[in-house]
N, C-alpha and C. Protein backbone atom coordinates (compact mmCIF):
# COMPACT_ATOMS: atom_id res chain seq x y z
N MET A 1 148.14 -10.45 142.83
CA MET A 1 148.89 -10.88 141.92
C MET A 1 149.45 -9.79 140.96
N ARG A 2 151.12 -9.69 140.75
CA ARG A 2 151.48 -9.24 140.06
C ARG A 2 151.44 -9.39 138.37
N ARG A 3 151.05 -8.41 137.52
CA ARG A 3 150.53 -8.90 136.16
C ARG A 3 151.01 -7.50 135.41
N PRO A 4 151.64 -7.95 134.09
CA PRO A 4 152.05 -7.24 133.17
C PRO A 4 150.91 -6.27 133.00
N VAL A 5 151.21 -4.98 132.53
CA VAL A 5 150.17 -3.89 132.39
C VAL A 5 150.67 -3.27 130.70
N PHE A 6 149.36 -3.18 130.03
CA PHE A 6 149.59 -3.00 128.77
C PHE A 6 148.75 -1.33 128.56
N PRO A 7 149.73 -0.32 128.61
CA PRO A 7 148.96 0.98 128.53
C PRO A 7 148.23 1.44 127.37
N LEU A 8 147.22 1.83 127.04
CA LEU A 8 146.67 2.07 125.84
C LEU A 8 145.32 3.47 125.79
N SER A 9 145.18 3.99 124.93
CA SER A 9 144.61 5.35 125.04
C SER A 9 143.04 4.90 125.40
N THR A 10 142.86 3.63 124.86
CA THR A 10 141.11 2.97 125.44
C THR A 10 141.52 1.32 125.67
N ALA A 11 140.60 1.15 126.97
CA ALA A 11 140.75 -0.58 127.18
C ALA A 11 139.38 -0.81 126.89
N PRO A 12 139.48 -2.10 126.50
CA PRO A 12 138.46 -2.90 125.98
C PRO A 12 137.57 -3.17 126.99
N LEU A 13 136.66 -2.92 127.61
CA LEU A 13 135.66 -3.37 128.89
C LEU A 13 135.29 -4.92 128.90
N PRO A 14 135.02 -5.53 130.17
CA PRO A 14 134.50 -6.93 129.93
C PRO A 14 133.45 -7.32 128.94
N GLY A 15 133.81 -8.12 128.15
CA GLY A 15 133.22 -8.76 127.00
C GLY A 15 133.23 -8.07 125.56
N VAL A 16 134.13 -6.98 125.78
CA VAL A 16 134.24 -6.47 124.41
C VAL A 16 135.67 -6.77 124.08
N CYS A 17 135.76 -6.90 122.34
CA CYS A 17 137.05 -7.36 121.67
C CYS A 17 137.74 -6.14 121.23
N LEU A 18 138.97 -6.17 121.19
CA LEU A 18 139.84 -4.98 120.43
C LEU A 18 141.18 -5.63 119.61
N PRO A 19 141.34 -5.32 118.45
CA PRO A 19 142.45 -5.60 117.96
C PRO A 19 143.61 -4.98 118.35
N LEU A 20 144.58 -5.68 118.16
CA LEU A 20 145.93 -5.03 118.41
C LEU A 20 147.15 -4.96 117.49
N ARG A 21 147.96 -4.08 117.17
CA ARG A 21 149.03 -4.65 116.62
C ARG A 21 150.46 -4.33 117.35
N ILE A 22 151.01 -5.13 117.68
CA ILE A 22 152.19 -5.60 118.48
C ILE A 22 153.49 -5.46 117.74
N PHE A 23 154.29 -4.15 118.56
CA PHE A 23 155.40 -3.94 117.56
C PHE A 23 156.76 -3.84 118.28
N GLU A 24 156.40 -3.25 119.32
CA GLU A 24 157.54 -2.97 120.58
C GLU A 24 157.85 -4.22 121.23
N ARG A 25 159.49 -4.58 121.18
CA ARG A 25 159.95 -5.56 121.80
C ARG A 25 159.45 -5.97 123.12
N ARG A 26 159.14 -5.14 123.93
CA ARG A 26 158.56 -5.27 125.65
C ARG A 26 157.11 -6.02 125.43
N TYR A 27 156.50 -5.57 124.33
CA TYR A 27 154.86 -6.15 124.45
C TYR A 27 155.01 -7.38 123.76
N LEU A 28 155.79 -7.52 122.42
CA LEU A 28 156.19 -8.85 121.91
C LEU A 28 156.38 -9.97 123.07
N ASP A 29 157.37 -9.55 123.58
CA ASP A 29 158.03 -10.64 124.60
C ASP A 29 156.93 -10.90 125.68
N MET A 30 156.14 -9.77 125.84
CA MET A 30 154.89 -10.27 126.96
C MET A 30 153.66 -10.94 126.51
N VAL A 31 153.56 -10.83 125.07
CA VAL A 31 152.44 -11.65 124.67
C VAL A 31 153.00 -13.14 124.44
N ARG A 32 154.06 -13.19 124.07
CA ARG A 32 154.82 -14.30 123.90
C ARG A 32 155.01 -15.32 125.14
N ARG A 33 155.27 -14.74 126.07
CA ARG A 33 155.08 -15.32 127.69
C ARG A 33 153.68 -15.89 128.07
N GLN A 34 152.45 -14.45 128.05
CA GLN A 34 151.55 -14.59 128.14
C GLN A 34 150.64 -16.05 127.39
N LEU A 35 150.79 -15.94 125.90
CA LEU A 35 150.52 -16.95 125.34
C LEU A 35 151.01 -18.55 125.72
N ARG A 36 152.44 -18.38 126.26
CA ARG A 36 152.95 -19.83 126.38
C ARG A 36 152.29 -20.35 127.53
N ALA A 37 151.60 -18.96 128.63
CA ALA A 37 151.34 -19.25 130.31
C ALA A 37 149.84 -19.68 130.01
N GLY A 38 149.20 -19.56 128.49
CA GLY A 38 147.93 -19.51 128.63
C GLY A 38 147.09 -18.31 129.53
N ASP A 39 147.73 -17.25 129.67
CA ASP A 39 147.25 -16.24 130.71
C ASP A 39 147.38 -15.16 130.01
N GLY A 40 146.08 -14.12 130.38
CA GLY A 40 146.06 -12.83 129.85
C GLY A 40 147.18 -11.73 130.48
N PHE A 41 146.64 -10.51 130.02
CA PHE A 41 147.33 -9.47 131.09
C PHE A 41 146.30 -8.30 131.42
N VAL A 42 146.83 -6.99 131.66
CA VAL A 42 145.97 -5.94 132.24
C VAL A 42 146.20 -5.04 130.96
N VAL A 43 145.10 -4.25 130.53
CA VAL A 43 144.97 -3.05 129.75
C VAL A 43 144.75 -1.86 130.65
N ALA A 44 145.60 -0.81 130.91
CA ALA A 44 145.07 0.37 131.71
C ALA A 44 145.02 1.59 130.68
N THR A 45 144.10 2.47 130.93
CA THR A 45 143.74 3.83 129.91
C THR A 45 144.99 4.62 130.61
N ILE A 46 145.58 5.35 129.38
CA ILE A 46 146.96 5.93 129.91
C ILE A 46 146.39 7.52 130.50
N ARG A 47 146.76 7.70 131.49
CA ARG A 47 146.46 8.85 132.07
C ARG A 47 147.18 10.25 131.59
N ASP A 48 148.81 10.08 131.49
CA ASP A 48 149.55 11.10 130.80
C ASP A 48 150.47 10.30 130.04
N GLY A 49 150.96 10.83 129.09
CA GLY A 49 152.32 10.17 128.49
C GLY A 49 151.35 9.37 127.03
N LYS A 50 151.89 8.56 126.41
CA LYS A 50 151.74 8.04 125.16
C LYS A 50 151.80 6.29 125.06
N GLU A 51 151.24 6.04 123.89
CA GLU A 51 151.16 4.46 123.78
C GLU A 51 152.74 4.06 123.49
N VAL A 52 153.17 4.62 122.90
CA VAL A 52 154.51 4.36 122.37
C VAL A 52 155.78 4.88 123.10
N GLY A 53 156.60 4.03 123.61
CA GLY A 53 157.93 4.98 124.20
C GLY A 53 158.22 4.44 125.57
N PRO A 54 158.51 5.50 126.38
CA PRO A 54 158.89 5.31 127.83
C PRO A 54 157.44 5.21 128.26
N GLY A 55 157.51 4.22 129.65
CA GLY A 55 156.42 4.34 130.39
C GLY A 55 155.40 5.34 130.97
N ALA A 56 154.02 5.55 130.53
CA ALA A 56 153.07 6.25 130.80
C ALA A 56 152.54 6.19 132.17
N SER A 57 151.82 7.18 132.38
CA SER A 57 151.21 6.90 133.85
C SER A 57 149.71 6.34 133.25
N VAL A 58 149.27 5.98 134.28
CA VAL A 58 147.83 4.95 134.14
C VAL A 58 146.73 5.40 134.94
N TRP A 59 145.43 5.27 134.53
CA TRP A 59 144.31 5.38 135.72
C TRP A 59 144.51 4.01 136.60
N PRO A 60 144.04 4.17 137.59
CA PRO A 60 143.84 3.09 138.63
C PRO A 60 143.35 1.49 138.35
N LEU A 61 141.89 2.40 137.63
CA LEU A 61 141.14 1.01 137.30
C LEU A 61 141.61 0.62 135.80
N ALA A 62 141.64 -0.71 135.92
CA ALA A 62 141.92 -1.34 134.68
C ALA A 62 141.39 -2.26 134.20
N VAL A 63 141.73 -3.13 132.98
CA VAL A 63 140.84 -4.32 132.72
C VAL A 63 141.62 -5.48 132.39
N GLU A 64 141.42 -6.31 133.10
CA GLU A 64 142.09 -7.95 132.96
C GLU A 64 141.58 -8.69 131.37
N VAL A 65 142.46 -8.82 130.61
CA VAL A 65 141.93 -9.15 129.35
C VAL A 65 143.10 -10.85 129.02
N SER A 66 141.87 -11.42 127.76
CA SER A 66 142.44 -12.48 127.35
C SER A 66 142.83 -12.11 125.88
N ILE A 67 143.91 -12.98 125.53
CA ILE A 67 143.99 -13.14 123.99
C ILE A 67 143.58 -14.17 123.19
N VAL A 68 142.26 -13.96 122.54
CA VAL A 68 141.46 -14.59 121.85
C VAL A 68 141.98 -15.11 120.72
N ASP A 69 142.78 -14.23 119.74
CA ASP A 69 143.15 -14.49 118.56
C ASP A 69 144.63 -13.97 118.56
N TRP A 70 145.44 -14.38 117.30
CA TRP A 70 146.73 -13.76 117.13
C TRP A 70 146.85 -13.99 115.74
N ASP A 71 147.86 -13.40 115.15
CA ASP A 71 148.16 -13.75 113.72
C ASP A 71 149.36 -13.04 113.31
N GLN A 72 149.88 -13.24 112.35
CA GLN A 72 150.97 -12.42 111.50
C GLN A 72 150.18 -11.76 110.71
N LEU A 73 150.65 -10.17 110.72
CA LEU A 73 149.90 -9.33 109.75
C LEU A 73 150.46 -9.25 108.43
N PRO A 74 149.80 -8.69 107.27
CA PRO A 74 150.67 -8.66 106.31
C PRO A 74 151.94 -7.71 106.23
N ASP A 75 152.10 -6.73 107.04
CA ASP A 75 153.09 -6.08 107.39
C ASP A 75 154.07 -6.55 107.97
N GLY A 76 154.09 -7.64 108.06
CA GLY A 76 154.74 -8.35 109.43
C GLY A 76 154.74 -8.13 110.98
N LEU A 77 153.94 -7.39 110.97
CA LEU A 77 153.80 -7.20 112.90
C LEU A 77 152.90 -8.28 113.17
N LEU A 78 152.96 -8.31 114.92
CA LEU A 78 152.02 -9.37 115.21
C LEU A 78 150.57 -8.82 115.64
N GLY A 79 149.51 -9.56 115.17
CA GLY A 79 148.33 -8.84 115.28
C GLY A 79 147.65 -9.72 116.42
N ILE A 80 147.08 -9.46 117.49
CA ILE A 80 146.36 -9.93 118.46
C ILE A 80 144.90 -9.52 118.62
N THR A 81 144.24 -9.88 119.28
CA THR A 81 142.72 -9.63 119.58
C THR A 81 142.41 -9.93 120.90
N ILE A 82 142.13 -9.37 121.49
CA ILE A 82 141.85 -9.35 123.21
C ILE A 82 140.62 -8.70 123.63
N GLN A 83 139.89 -9.49 124.58
CA GLN A 83 138.69 -9.47 124.88
C GLN A 83 138.64 -8.98 126.49
N GLY A 84 138.23 -8.17 126.91
CA GLY A 84 138.01 -8.01 128.42
C GLY A 84 137.24 -8.80 129.22
N ARG A 85 137.93 -9.16 130.50
CA ARG A 85 137.58 -10.26 131.19
C ARG A 85 136.79 -9.47 132.36
N ALA A 86 137.70 -8.71 132.95
CA ALA A 86 137.12 -8.02 134.57
C ALA A 86 138.05 -6.82 134.87
N ILE A 87 137.02 -6.06 135.66
CA ILE A 87 138.09 -4.77 135.98
C ILE A 87 138.89 -5.12 137.14
N THR A 88 139.75 -4.80 137.25
CA THR A 88 140.62 -4.89 138.42
C THR A 88 141.41 -3.14 138.67
N ARG A 89 141.81 -3.15 140.08
CA ARG A 89 142.67 -1.98 140.54
C ARG A 89 144.06 -2.27 140.65
N LEU A 90 144.93 -1.22 140.16
CA LEU A 90 146.48 -1.54 140.22
C LEU A 90 146.79 -0.84 141.46
N HIS A 91 147.83 -1.76 142.00
CA HIS A 91 148.62 -0.97 143.17
C HIS A 91 150.08 -1.38 142.77
N GLU A 92 150.79 -0.37 143.00
CA GLU A 92 152.34 -0.53 143.13
C GLU A 92 152.99 -0.84 141.77
N PRO A 93 152.31 0.17 140.75
CA PRO A 93 152.74 0.06 139.34
C PRO A 93 154.38 0.31 139.15
N ALA A 94 154.91 -0.74 138.33
CA ALA A 94 156.39 -0.35 138.14
C ALA A 94 156.99 -0.69 137.07
N LEU A 95 158.22 -0.17 136.51
CA LEU A 95 158.61 -0.72 135.27
C LEU A 95 160.01 -1.61 135.38
N GLU A 96 159.81 -2.53 134.52
CA GLU A 96 160.70 -3.46 134.49
C GLU A 96 161.85 -2.89 134.00
N PRO A 97 163.08 -3.42 133.72
CA PRO A 97 164.25 -3.28 133.20
C PRO A 97 163.82 -2.89 131.35
N ASP A 98 163.16 -3.90 131.03
CA ASP A 98 163.06 -3.73 129.48
C ASP A 98 162.12 -2.67 129.13
N GLY A 99 161.19 -2.12 130.27
CA GLY A 99 160.26 -0.80 129.95
C GLY A 99 158.72 -1.43 130.13
N LEU A 100 158.77 -2.57 130.26
CA LEU A 100 157.10 -3.25 130.79
C LEU A 100 157.08 -2.58 132.13
N MET A 101 155.51 -2.37 132.06
CA MET A 101 155.08 -1.84 133.23
C MET A 101 154.27 -3.22 134.15
N THR A 102 154.41 -3.28 135.11
CA THR A 102 153.74 -4.44 135.76
C THR A 102 153.32 -3.58 137.04
N ALA A 103 151.99 -4.28 137.52
CA ALA A 103 151.26 -3.83 138.92
C ALA A 103 150.73 -5.10 139.64
N GLU A 104 150.43 -4.78 141.06
CA GLU A 104 149.79 -5.86 141.93
C GLU A 104 148.39 -5.46 141.22
N CYS A 105 147.53 -6.72 141.01
CA CYS A 105 146.19 -6.42 140.65
C CYS A 105 145.00 -6.81 141.33
N GLN A 106 144.17 -5.96 141.73
CA GLN A 106 143.03 -6.85 143.06
C GLN A 106 141.84 -6.43 141.89
N THR A 107 141.11 -8.00 141.80
CA THR A 107 139.98 -8.11 140.73
C THR A 107 139.03 -7.38 141.84
N LEU A 108 137.92 -6.32 140.92
CA LEU A 108 137.08 -5.95 141.74
C LEU A 108 135.53 -6.62 141.46
N ALA A 109 135.27 -7.11 142.76
CA ALA A 109 134.02 -7.78 142.72
C ALA A 109 132.88 -6.97 142.28
N SER A 110 132.50 -5.88 142.62
CA SER A 110 131.42 -4.93 142.46
C SER A 110 131.36 -5.01 141.05
N ALA A 111 132.38 -5.06 140.08
CA ALA A 111 132.11 -5.08 138.70
C ALA A 111 130.98 -6.10 137.79
N THR A 112 130.94 -7.30 138.42
CA THR A 112 129.93 -7.90 138.06
C THR A 112 128.95 -8.59 139.28
N ALA A 113 129.11 -8.14 140.39
CA ALA A 113 128.13 -8.13 141.66
C ALA A 113 126.63 -8.06 141.18
N GLY A 114 125.73 -8.90 141.61
CA GLY A 114 124.40 -8.78 141.48
C GLY A 114 124.10 -8.60 139.99
N ASP A 115 124.60 -8.74 139.10
CA ASP A 115 124.42 -8.91 137.64
C ASP A 115 122.89 -9.89 137.39
N GLN A 116 122.08 -9.30 136.73
CA GLN A 116 120.60 -9.48 136.36
C GLN A 116 120.74 -9.69 134.94
N PRO A 117 119.81 -10.91 134.43
CA PRO A 117 119.24 -11.04 133.30
C PRO A 117 118.42 -9.85 133.05
N LEU A 118 118.28 -9.40 131.62
CA LEU A 118 117.65 -8.09 131.30
C LEU A 118 116.25 -8.41 131.19
N ALA A 119 115.51 -7.80 131.94
CA ALA A 119 113.73 -7.93 132.06
C ALA A 119 113.24 -7.45 130.47
N GLU A 120 112.01 -8.12 129.91
CA GLU A 120 111.81 -7.59 128.67
C GLU A 120 111.51 -6.24 128.46
N HIS A 121 111.19 -5.39 129.34
CA HIS A 121 111.40 -3.80 128.94
C HIS A 121 112.09 -3.00 129.81
N SER A 122 113.00 -3.45 130.77
CA SER A 122 113.94 -3.12 131.49
C SER A 122 115.11 -2.27 130.61
N TRP A 123 115.36 -0.99 131.06
CA TRP A 123 116.39 -0.43 130.60
C TRP A 123 116.19 0.12 128.88
N ASP A 124 114.65 0.13 128.61
CA ASP A 124 114.37 0.40 127.22
C ASP A 124 115.14 1.55 126.29
N GLY A 125 115.13 2.72 127.34
CA GLY A 125 115.92 3.94 126.66
C GLY A 125 117.38 3.51 126.32
N LEU A 126 117.82 2.98 127.17
CA LEU A 126 119.55 2.34 126.78
C LEU A 126 119.71 1.64 125.80
N ARG A 127 118.73 0.57 126.00
CA ARG A 127 118.60 -0.45 124.85
C ARG A 127 118.70 0.17 123.14
N VAL A 128 117.83 1.37 123.22
CA VAL A 128 117.51 2.28 122.16
C VAL A 128 118.88 2.84 121.93
N VAL A 129 119.77 3.44 122.75
CA VAL A 129 121.00 4.13 122.49
C VAL A 129 122.04 3.30 122.03
N LEU A 130 121.95 2.02 122.55
CA LEU A 130 123.10 0.78 122.11
C LEU A 130 122.86 0.64 120.91
N ASN A 131 121.40 0.24 120.80
CA ASN A 131 121.32 -0.07 119.25
C ASN A 131 121.48 0.89 117.94
N GLN A 132 121.33 2.09 118.57
CA GLN A 132 121.56 3.14 117.25
C GLN A 132 123.25 3.26 117.53
N LEU A 133 123.92 2.87 118.58
CA LEU A 133 125.47 3.38 118.33
C LEU A 133 126.04 1.86 117.49
N VAL A 134 125.30 0.58 117.80
CA VAL A 134 125.89 -0.20 117.08
C VAL A 134 125.98 -0.23 115.49
N GLN A 135 125.03 0.57 115.11
CA GLN A 135 124.65 0.72 113.30
C GLN A 135 125.85 1.33 112.87
N HIS A 136 126.64 2.26 113.54
CA HIS A 136 127.73 2.86 113.15
C HIS A 136 129.03 1.93 112.71
N PRO A 137 129.57 2.15 111.19
CA PRO A 137 130.32 1.27 110.66
C PRO A 137 131.70 0.82 111.71
N SER A 138 132.21 2.02 112.29
CA SER A 138 133.21 1.55 113.07
C SER A 138 132.93 0.67 114.47
N VAL A 139 131.58 1.07 114.73
CA VAL A 139 131.37 0.04 115.95
C VAL A 139 130.94 -1.45 115.37
N GLN A 140 130.78 -1.45 114.15
CA GLN A 140 130.24 -2.79 113.78
C GLN A 140 131.61 -3.83 113.76
N SER A 141 132.91 -3.20 113.75
CA SER A 141 134.02 -3.71 113.52
C SER A 141 134.52 -4.19 114.96
N LEU A 142 133.77 -3.98 115.92
CA LEU A 142 134.03 -4.60 117.14
C LEU A 142 133.37 -5.81 117.64
N ALA A 143 132.31 -6.36 116.77
CA ALA A 143 131.67 -7.19 116.83
C ALA A 143 131.29 -7.61 118.02
N LEU A 144 130.47 -6.46 118.74
CA LEU A 144 129.86 -6.76 119.76
C LEU A 144 128.75 -7.91 120.00
N ALA A 145 128.75 -8.79 121.29
CA ALA A 145 127.59 -9.73 121.12
C ALA A 145 126.34 -8.86 121.69
N ASP A 146 125.52 -9.73 121.28
CA ASP A 146 124.02 -9.32 122.03
C ASP A 146 123.94 -9.08 123.46
N VAL A 147 123.28 -7.97 123.89
CA VAL A 147 123.27 -7.82 125.52
C VAL A 147 121.90 -8.90 126.00
N ALA A 148 122.46 -9.66 126.82
CA ALA A 148 121.42 -10.25 127.74
C ALA A 148 121.62 -9.94 129.13
N THR A 149 122.27 -9.20 130.01
CA THR A 149 122.47 -8.89 131.25
C THR A 149 122.58 -7.47 131.62
N GLU A 150 122.25 -7.05 132.41
CA GLU A 150 122.55 -5.59 133.07
C GLU A 150 124.03 -5.20 132.74
N ALA A 151 124.90 -6.23 133.18
CA ALA A 151 126.33 -6.01 133.34
C ALA A 151 126.84 -6.10 131.50
N GLU A 152 126.51 -6.76 130.68
CA GLU A 152 126.73 -6.32 129.51
C GLU A 152 126.38 -5.18 128.52
N LEU A 153 125.04 -4.89 129.09
CA LEU A 153 124.45 -3.60 128.06
C LEU A 153 125.31 -2.49 129.01
N GLY A 154 125.72 -2.47 130.16
CA GLY A 154 126.45 -1.41 130.77
C GLY A 154 127.64 -1.37 130.15
N TRP A 155 128.54 -2.55 129.98
CA TRP A 155 129.74 -2.46 129.78
C TRP A 155 130.02 -1.78 128.03
N GLN A 156 128.81 -2.27 127.34
CA GLN A 156 129.02 -1.88 126.19
C GLN A 156 128.98 -0.22 125.65
N LEU A 157 127.73 0.26 126.50
CA LEU A 157 127.39 1.78 126.91
C LEU A 157 128.54 2.08 127.10
N LEU A 158 129.18 2.13 128.17
CA LEU A 158 130.41 2.50 128.59
C LEU A 158 131.58 2.43 127.66
N GLN A 159 131.49 1.47 126.79
CA GLN A 159 132.82 1.26 126.00
C GLN A 159 132.51 2.38 125.00
N LEU A 160 131.33 2.32 124.33
CA LEU A 160 130.78 3.45 123.19
C LEU A 160 130.60 4.96 123.32
N LEU A 161 130.13 5.28 124.59
CA LEU A 161 129.61 6.54 124.62
C LEU A 161 131.10 7.39 124.82
N PRO A 162 130.63 8.83 124.54
CA PRO A 162 131.54 9.86 124.38
C PRO A 162 131.83 10.44 126.03
N LEU A 163 132.51 9.70 126.76
CA LEU A 163 132.60 10.09 128.09
C LEU A 163 133.98 10.26 128.55
N SER A 164 134.45 11.35 129.57
CA SER A 164 135.68 11.60 130.20
C SER A 164 135.87 10.21 130.75
N GLU A 165 137.59 10.26 130.82
CA GLU A 165 137.96 8.85 131.40
C GLU A 165 137.82 8.99 132.75
N PRO A 166 137.59 10.38 133.71
CA PRO A 166 137.02 10.34 134.99
C PRO A 166 135.95 9.64 135.38
N GLU A 167 134.85 10.06 134.48
CA GLU A 167 133.62 9.44 134.52
C GLU A 167 133.79 7.69 134.09
N ARG A 168 134.43 7.60 133.31
CA ARG A 168 134.21 5.79 132.90
C ARG A 168 134.93 5.51 134.11
N GLN A 169 136.00 5.86 134.70
CA GLN A 169 136.50 5.12 135.82
C GLN A 169 135.60 5.07 137.28
N ASP A 170 134.82 5.95 137.24
CA ASP A 170 133.95 6.18 138.18
C ASP A 170 132.70 4.87 138.09
N ALA A 171 132.56 5.20 137.09
CA ALA A 171 131.19 4.00 136.43
C ALA A 171 131.98 2.67 136.27
N MET A 172 133.10 2.22 136.23
CA MET A 172 133.68 1.11 136.02
C MET A 172 133.63 0.34 137.40
N ALA A 173 133.84 1.17 138.58
CA ALA A 173 133.61 0.51 140.07
C ALA A 173 132.49 0.17 140.19
N LEU A 174 131.11 0.52 139.81
CA LEU A 174 129.68 0.44 140.30
C LEU A 174 129.21 -1.01 139.93
N THR A 175 128.36 -1.06 140.48
CA THR A 175 127.20 -2.86 140.40
C THR A 175 126.83 -2.39 138.97
N PRO A 176 126.27 -3.77 138.62
CA PRO A 176 125.96 -3.44 137.09
C PRO A 176 124.57 -2.53 137.22
N ASN A 177 123.46 -3.07 138.11
CA ASN A 177 122.59 -1.79 138.08
C ASN A 177 122.55 -0.22 138.25
N ALA A 178 123.58 -0.07 139.45
CA ALA A 178 124.02 0.93 139.81
C ALA A 178 124.96 1.88 138.58
N ARG A 179 125.41 1.40 137.64
CA ARG A 179 125.97 1.48 136.40
C ARG A 179 125.02 2.13 135.29
N LEU A 180 124.10 1.08 135.20
CA LEU A 180 123.03 1.57 133.99
C LEU A 180 122.03 2.73 134.67
N GLN A 181 121.81 2.89 135.97
CA GLN A 181 120.85 3.88 136.35
C GLN A 181 122.18 5.42 136.37
N TRP A 182 123.51 5.00 136.57
CA TRP A 182 124.10 6.06 136.06
C TRP A 182 124.38 6.64 134.79
N LEU A 183 124.48 5.47 133.95
CA LEU A 183 124.24 6.19 132.66
C LEU A 183 122.86 6.71 132.13
N ALA A 184 121.81 6.04 132.56
CA ALA A 184 120.57 6.92 132.52
C ALA A 184 120.46 8.10 132.88
N GLU A 185 120.95 8.47 133.79
CA GLU A 185 121.03 9.77 134.30
C GLU A 185 122.09 10.70 133.59
N THR A 186 123.09 10.14 133.27
CA THR A 186 124.49 10.81 132.49
C THR A 186 123.60 11.24 131.21
N LEU A 187 123.14 10.22 130.52
CA LEU A 187 122.76 10.48 129.11
C LEU A 187 121.34 11.54 129.30
N ASP A 188 120.55 11.48 130.21
CA ASP A 188 119.52 12.54 130.51
C ASP A 188 119.93 13.94 130.59
N ARG A 189 121.06 14.01 131.34
CA ARG A 189 121.44 15.38 131.61
C ARG A 189 122.12 15.73 130.49
N LEU A 190 122.79 14.86 129.50
CA LEU A 190 123.65 15.39 128.31
C LEU A 190 122.58 15.64 127.24
N THR A 191 121.48 15.22 127.12
CA THR A 191 120.62 15.50 126.07
C THR A 191 119.58 16.72 126.71
N HIS A 192 119.62 16.96 127.67
CA HIS A 192 118.88 18.04 128.22
C HIS A 192 119.68 19.49 128.56
N GLN A 193 120.86 19.61 127.99
CA GLN A 193 121.87 20.73 128.27
C GLN A 193 121.44 21.77 127.12
């Protein structure tokens, strides 16, 4: 399915909310269309270029998002809150005449395949790291939900940890359990350097 693509420096992973200020005409029109249709769009992380201005190149794995709230901001701009739903692979990105990027999107089943509830003492080390991260004031503004599954734990850590985008792209394609294993190994490697 061909969907509108919103390039950003950071994409909200599944279950994570992100507030946005919309001011470019192409995105105002896109949000209006998507709200009317009751549909979301895709957020892709910028590989090269900028958020504002002509089309940026983006990474191939992106996030399908829903618009969960919108409002007119005090400065007159449109404010929306989006929430990540699913990981998608972009194919054949193209620019529309108004500069809006669109792409054929294929939802990756691996992103949630085999998701399991978190057992009482499973992944304790990763839970401790997440609990420390959510204490930071800038993270508290994200209003992250409590984690109950392996996928939720992995998405929140992947969103918050200072990883390179190539690392994040690799981890986005993994199953929830494999993603947690990768995160545990990555954190172990980083703390023992």
